């Protein structure tokens, strides 16, 4: 099992969600987050006054998948989230030692 965390642009969420669903990913957790990387935020003007926005809004998608789905999920996320512009996001993969389904007590791959 692996845990995938993907940070994407907010307007790409629907495309990523639909694409993952088409390949059999049937569960995910979504969080609205803010952060910055190489882009270091941006400046905006309101009523002629410039203000710096240090943290850029992103969506964090968390998935727990069996090993056989991981590579496919990564390819799907990249394809559906990519714009080719700075700030497209990142994907992190972590090994997952164990998973438990709270209601049934089932564990392992069957819990996800």
N, C-alpha and C. Protein backbone atom coordinates (compact mmCIF):
# COMPACT_ATOMS: atom_id res chain seq x y z
N UNK A 1 0.84 -1.18 0.00
CA UNK A 1 0.00 0.00 0.00
C UNK A 1 0.88 1.24 0.00
N UNK A 2 0.36 2.28 -0.64
CA UNK A 2 1.07 3.55 -0.69
C UNK A 2 0.07 4.68 -0.43
N UNK A 3 0.61 5.77 0.14
CA UNK A 3 -0.18 6.99 0.29
C UNK A 3 0.36 7.99 -0.71
N UNK A 4 -0.53 8.57 -1.49
CA UNK A 4 -0.17 9.59 -2.46
C UNK A 4 -0.73 10.91 -1.97
N UNK A 5 0.12 11.94 -1.94
CA UNK A 5 -0.33 13.30 -1.67
C UNK A 5 0.00 14.11 -2.91
N UNK A 6 -1.02 14.71 -3.50
CA UNK A 6 -0.82 15.54 -4.69
C UNK A 6 -1.30 16.95 -4.38
N UNK A 7 -0.46 17.92 -4.69
CA UNK A 7 -0.81 19.33 -4.54
C UNK A 7 -1.03 19.88 -5.94
N UNK A 8 -2.24 20.38 -6.20
CA UNK A 8 -2.60 20.82 -7.55
C UNK A 8 -3.27 22.19 -7.50
N UNK A 9 -3.42 22.79 -8.67
CA UNK A 9 -4.17 24.04 -8.78
C UNK A 9 -5.65 23.76 -8.52
N UNK A 10 -6.34 24.65 -7.80
CA UNK A 10 -7.74 24.39 -7.44
C UNK A 10 -8.65 24.11 -8.63
N UNK A 11 -8.48 24.81 -9.73
CA UNK A 11 -9.39 24.61 -10.85
C UNK A 11 -9.17 23.30 -11.60
N UNK A 12 -8.12 22.56 -11.23
CA UNK A 12 -7.85 21.26 -11.84
C UNK A 12 -8.46 20.09 -11.06
N UNK A 13 -9.06 20.38 -9.91
CA UNK A 13 -9.60 19.31 -9.05
C UNK A 13 -10.61 18.43 -9.77
N UNK A 14 -11.58 19.02 -10.44
CA UNK A 14 -12.64 18.24 -11.08
C UNK A 14 -12.05 17.31 -12.14
N UNK A 15 -11.10 17.79 -12.93
CA UNK A 15 -10.48 16.97 -13.97
C UNK A 15 -9.71 15.81 -13.35
N UNK A 16 -8.96 16.08 -12.29
CA UNK A 16 -8.19 15.03 -11.62
C UNK A 16 -9.13 14.01 -11.00
N UNK A 17 -10.14 14.47 -10.31
CA UNK A 17 -11.10 13.57 -9.65
C UNK A 17 -11.79 12.66 -10.68
N UNK A 18 -12.25 13.24 -11.78
CA UNK A 18 -12.93 12.45 -12.81
C UNK A 18 -11.99 11.45 -13.46
N UNK A 19 -10.76 11.85 -13.73
CA UNK A 19 -9.79 10.95 -14.36
C UNK A 19 -9.43 9.79 -13.43
N UNK A 20 -9.25 10.08 -12.15
CA UNK A 20 -8.95 9.00 -11.20
C UNK A 20 -10.12 8.04 -11.08
N UNK A 21 -11.32 8.57 -11.07
CA UNK A 21 -12.52 7.73 -10.99
C UNK A 21 -12.61 6.78 -12.19
N UNK A 22 -12.24 7.27 -13.37
CA UNK A 22 -12.30 6.46 -14.58
C UNK A 22 -11.34 5.27 -14.54
N UNK A 23 -10.26 5.36 -13.77
CA UNK A 23 -9.29 4.25 -13.70
C UNK A 23 -9.48 3.40 -12.45
N UNK A 24 -10.57 3.62 -11.71
CA UNK A 24 -10.88 2.74 -10.60
C UNK A 24 -10.51 3.24 -9.22
N UNK A 25 -10.08 4.48 -9.10
CA UNK A 25 -9.80 5.04 -7.78
C UNK A 25 -11.13 5.56 -7.25
N UNK A 26 -11.61 4.95 -6.15
CA UNK A 26 -12.95 5.27 -5.68
C UNK A 26 -13.00 5.98 -4.33
N UNK A 27 -11.87 6.51 -3.88
CA UNK A 27 -11.89 7.26 -2.64
C UNK A 27 -10.69 8.19 -2.56
N UNK A 28 -10.92 9.36 -1.99
CA UNK A 28 -9.85 10.34 -1.82
C UNK A 28 -10.27 11.34 -0.76
N UNK A 29 -9.29 12.02 -0.21
CA UNK A 29 -9.54 13.10 0.74
C UNK A 29 -9.00 14.37 0.11
N UNK A 30 -9.79 15.43 0.19
CA UNK A 30 -9.44 16.71 -0.42
C UNK A 30 -9.33 17.76 0.68
N UNK A 31 -8.27 18.57 0.64
CA UNK A 31 -8.10 19.69 1.57
C UNK A 31 -7.73 20.93 0.79
N UNK A 32 -8.27 22.07 1.22
CA UNK A 32 -7.84 23.34 0.67
C UNK A 32 -6.66 23.80 1.50
N UNK A 33 -5.53 24.03 0.85
CA UNK A 33 -4.31 24.42 1.54
C UNK A 33 -3.71 25.64 0.86
N UNK A 34 -2.73 26.24 1.51
CA UNK A 34 -1.99 27.35 0.93
C UNK A 34 -0.51 27.10 1.12
N UNK A 35 0.28 27.57 0.18
CA UNK A 35 1.72 27.40 0.30
C UNK A 35 2.42 28.11 -0.84
N UNK A 36 3.73 27.96 -0.87
CA UNK A 36 4.48 28.50 -1.99
C UNK A 36 5.72 27.66 -2.21
N UNK A 37 6.18 27.72 -3.44
CA UNK A 37 7.40 27.04 -3.82
C UNK A 37 8.29 28.03 -4.52
N UNK A 38 8.78 27.66 -5.67
CA UNK A 38 9.67 28.53 -6.42
C UNK A 38 8.98 29.81 -6.88
N UNK A 39 7.66 29.77 -7.02
CA UNK A 39 6.96 30.95 -7.52
C UNK A 39 6.88 32.06 -6.48
N UNK A 40 7.04 31.75 -5.21
CA UNK A 40 7.09 32.74 -4.12
C UNK A 40 5.87 33.65 -4.06
N UNK A 41 4.71 33.16 -4.41
CA UNK A 41 3.50 33.98 -4.34
C UNK A 41 3.40 34.92 -5.52
N UNK A 42 2.58 35.96 -5.39
CA UNK A 42 2.38 36.91 -6.47
C UNK A 42 1.92 38.24 -5.90
N UNK A 43 1.94 39.26 -6.73
CA UNK A 43 1.45 40.59 -6.33
C UNK A 43 0.10 40.83 -6.98
N UNK A 44 -0.78 41.52 -6.27
CA UNK A 44 -2.05 41.90 -6.85
C UNK A 44 -2.32 43.37 -6.52
N UNK A 45 -3.13 43.98 -7.35
CA UNK A 45 -3.47 45.38 -7.15
C UNK A 45 -4.95 45.49 -6.84
N UNK A 46 -5.28 46.29 -5.83
CA UNK A 46 -6.67 46.58 -5.48
C UNK A 46 -6.77 48.07 -5.21
N UNK A 47 -7.60 48.73 -5.98
CA UNK A 47 -7.76 50.19 -5.87
C UNK A 47 -6.42 50.92 -5.98
N UNK A 48 -5.58 50.42 -6.89
CA UNK A 48 -4.31 51.06 -7.14
C UNK A 48 -3.21 50.77 -6.14
N UNK A 49 -3.50 49.93 -5.14
CA UNK A 49 -2.51 49.61 -4.12
C UNK A 49 -2.03 48.17 -4.33
N UNK A 50 -0.72 48.01 -4.39
CA UNK A 50 -0.15 46.67 -4.57
C UNK A 50 -0.05 45.95 -3.23
N UNK A 51 -0.45 44.68 -3.23
CA UNK A 51 -0.25 43.86 -2.04
C UNK A 51 0.34 42.53 -2.47
N UNK A 52 1.19 41.99 -1.62
CA UNK A 52 1.88 40.73 -1.93
C UNK A 52 1.09 39.58 -1.32
N UNK A 53 0.81 38.58 -2.13
CA UNK A 53 0.17 37.35 -1.66
C UNK A 53 1.27 36.30 -1.56
N UNK A 54 1.67 36.00 -0.33
CA UNK A 54 2.79 35.08 -0.11
C UNK A 54 2.41 33.62 -0.29
N UNK A 55 1.19 33.27 0.07
CA UNK A 55 0.77 31.88 0.01
C UNK A 55 -0.28 31.72 -1.08
N UNK A 56 -0.02 30.78 -1.97
CA UNK A 56 -0.88 30.52 -3.11
C UNK A 56 -1.86 29.40 -2.75
N UNK A 57 -3.16 29.55 -3.07
CA UNK A 57 -4.11 28.48 -2.77
C UNK A 57 -3.85 27.24 -3.63
N UNK A 58 -3.92 26.10 -3.02
CA UNK A 58 -3.75 24.81 -3.69
C UNK A 58 -4.79 23.84 -3.13
N UNK A 59 -4.94 22.73 -3.81
CA UNK A 59 -5.76 21.62 -3.34
C UNK A 59 -4.82 20.46 -3.05
N UNK A 60 -4.99 19.85 -1.88
CA UNK A 60 -4.21 18.65 -1.55
C UNK A 60 -5.14 17.45 -1.65
N UNK A 61 -4.75 16.52 -2.50
CA UNK A 61 -5.49 15.26 -2.67
C UNK A 61 -4.69 14.17 -1.98
N UNK A 62 -5.35 13.42 -1.12
CA UNK A 62 -4.70 12.29 -0.45
C UNK A 62 -5.40 11.01 -0.88
N UNK A 63 -4.60 10.05 -1.31
CA UNK A 63 -5.10 8.75 -1.75
C UNK A 63 -4.33 7.65 -1.05
N UNK A 64 -5.00 6.58 -0.70
CA UNK A 64 -4.33 5.38 -0.23
C UNK A 64 -4.71 4.28 -1.21
N UNK A 65 -3.69 3.71 -1.84
CA UNK A 65 -3.93 2.75 -2.92
C UNK A 65 -3.12 1.48 -2.74
N UNK A 66 -3.64 0.40 -3.32
CA UNK A 66 -2.85 -0.82 -3.39
C UNK A 66 -1.71 -0.57 -4.39
N UNK A 67 -0.63 -1.27 -4.22
CA UNK A 67 0.58 -1.01 -5.02
C UNK A 67 0.32 -1.05 -6.52
N UNK A 68 -0.56 -1.94 -6.96
CA UNK A 68 -0.78 -2.10 -8.41
C UNK A 68 -1.46 -0.89 -9.06
N UNK A 69 -2.07 -0.01 -8.29
CA UNK A 69 -2.73 1.17 -8.84
C UNK A 69 -1.89 2.44 -8.78
N UNK A 70 -0.78 2.41 -8.07
CA UNK A 70 -0.02 3.62 -7.79
C UNK A 70 0.52 4.27 -9.06
N UNK A 71 1.23 3.53 -9.90
CA UNK A 71 1.82 4.11 -11.11
C UNK A 71 0.75 4.71 -12.03
N UNK A 72 -0.36 4.00 -12.18
CA UNK A 72 -1.45 4.50 -13.02
C UNK A 72 -2.02 5.79 -12.45
N UNK A 73 -2.22 5.82 -11.14
CA UNK A 73 -2.77 7.03 -10.50
C UNK A 73 -1.83 8.22 -10.69
N UNK A 74 -0.54 8.01 -10.57
CA UNK A 74 0.43 9.09 -10.77
C UNK A 74 0.34 9.63 -12.19
N UNK A 75 0.31 8.74 -13.17
CA UNK A 75 0.22 9.16 -14.57
C UNK A 75 -1.06 9.96 -14.83
N UNK A 76 -2.17 9.50 -14.24
CA UNK A 76 -3.46 10.16 -14.44
C UNK A 76 -3.45 11.55 -13.79
N UNK A 77 -2.89 11.66 -12.60
CA UNK A 77 -2.82 12.96 -11.92
C UNK A 77 -1.98 13.93 -12.74
N UNK A 78 -0.82 13.49 -13.19
CA UNK A 78 0.06 14.37 -13.97
C UNK A 78 -0.65 14.81 -15.25
N UNK A 79 -1.25 13.88 -15.95
CA UNK A 79 -1.90 14.22 -17.22
C UNK A 79 -3.06 15.20 -17.02
N UNK A 80 -3.86 15.01 -16.00
CA UNK A 80 -5.05 15.85 -15.83
C UNK A 80 -4.79 17.14 -15.06
N UNK A 81 -3.66 17.25 -14.35
CA UNK A 81 -3.37 18.47 -13.57
C UNK A 81 -2.38 19.39 -14.27
N UNK A 82 -1.68 18.89 -15.27
CA UNK A 82 -0.60 19.65 -15.89
C UNK A 82 -1.14 20.78 -16.78
N UNK A 83 -0.59 21.97 -16.58
CA UNK A 83 -0.87 23.10 -17.48
C UNK A 83 0.39 23.51 -18.23
N UNK A 84 1.54 23.09 -17.73
CA UNK A 84 2.81 23.48 -18.33
C UNK A 84 3.34 24.79 -17.79
N UNK A 85 2.64 25.36 -16.82
CA UNK A 85 3.06 26.63 -16.24
C UNK A 85 3.55 26.40 -14.81
N UNK A 86 4.32 27.35 -14.32
CA UNK A 86 4.84 27.25 -12.96
C UNK A 86 3.68 27.13 -11.97
N UNK A 87 3.87 26.31 -10.94
CA UNK A 87 2.86 26.14 -9.92
C UNK A 87 1.87 25.02 -10.18
N UNK A 88 2.18 24.14 -11.15
CA UNK A 88 1.28 23.02 -11.42
C UNK A 88 1.14 22.08 -10.23
N UNK A 89 2.15 22.00 -9.37
CA UNK A 89 2.03 21.20 -8.17
C UNK A 89 3.10 20.14 -8.04
N UNK A 90 2.87 19.26 -7.08
CA UNK A 90 3.82 18.19 -6.77
C UNK A 90 3.02 16.95 -6.38
N UNK A 91 3.69 15.80 -6.49
CA UNK A 91 3.12 14.52 -6.03
C UNK A 91 4.16 13.87 -5.13
N UNK A 92 3.72 13.42 -3.96
CA UNK A 92 4.58 12.72 -3.02
C UNK A 92 4.02 11.32 -2.78
N UNK A 93 4.90 10.32 -2.74
CA UNK A 93 4.51 8.93 -2.53
C UNK A 93 5.18 8.43 -1.25
N UNK A 94 4.38 7.84 -0.37
CA UNK A 94 4.90 7.32 0.89
C UNK A 94 4.45 5.88 1.09
N UNK A 95 5.33 5.03 1.59
CA UNK A 95 4.90 3.68 1.93
C UNK A 95 3.92 3.72 3.10
N UNK A 96 2.98 2.83 3.08
CA UNK A 96 1.98 2.77 4.14
C UNK A 96 2.05 1.39 4.78
N UNK A 97 2.33 1.38 6.06
CA UNK A 97 2.55 0.11 6.75
C UNK A 97 1.27 -0.70 6.92
N UNK A 98 0.19 -0.05 7.30
CA UNK A 98 -1.04 -0.79 7.58
C UNK A 98 -2.24 0.14 7.45
N UNK A 99 -3.39 -0.43 7.17
CA UNK A 99 -4.66 0.31 7.13
C UNK A 99 -5.73 -0.53 7.81
N UNK A 100 -6.62 0.13 8.52
CA UNK A 100 -7.74 -0.53 9.20
C UNK A 100 -9.03 0.16 8.84
N UNK A 101 -10.08 -0.62 8.62
CA UNK A 101 -11.42 -0.08 8.43
C UNK A 101 -12.07 -0.07 9.80
N UNK A 102 -12.41 1.10 10.30
CA UNK A 102 -12.87 1.24 11.68
C UNK A 102 -14.16 0.46 11.93
N UNK A 103 -15.14 0.57 11.04
CA UNK A 103 -16.43 -0.06 11.29
C UNK A 103 -16.33 -1.59 11.32
N UNK A 104 -15.58 -2.18 10.37
CA UNK A 104 -15.56 -3.64 10.25
C UNK A 104 -14.36 -4.30 10.91
N UNK A 105 -13.31 -3.52 11.15
CA UNK A 105 -12.09 -4.08 11.70
C UNK A 105 -11.20 -4.75 10.68
N UNK A 106 -11.61 -4.75 9.42
CA UNK A 106 -10.79 -5.33 8.35
C UNK A 106 -9.50 -4.51 8.21
N UNK A 107 -8.40 -5.21 7.91
CA UNK A 107 -7.14 -4.49 7.74
C UNK A 107 -6.44 -4.92 6.45
N UNK A 108 -5.33 -4.24 6.16
CA UNK A 108 -4.57 -4.52 4.96
C UNK A 108 -5.22 -3.93 3.71
N UNK A 109 -4.90 -4.52 2.55
CA UNK A 109 -5.43 -4.03 1.28
C UNK A 109 -6.96 -4.01 1.27
N UNK A 110 -7.58 -4.93 1.96
CA UNK A 110 -9.04 -4.99 1.99
C UNK A 110 -9.67 -3.79 2.69
N UNK A 111 -8.91 -3.11 3.53
CA UNK A 111 -9.43 -1.95 4.27
C UNK A 111 -9.54 -0.73 3.38
N UNK A 112 -8.87 -0.73 2.25
CA UNK A 112 -8.93 0.44 1.39
C UNK A 112 -9.80 0.14 0.20
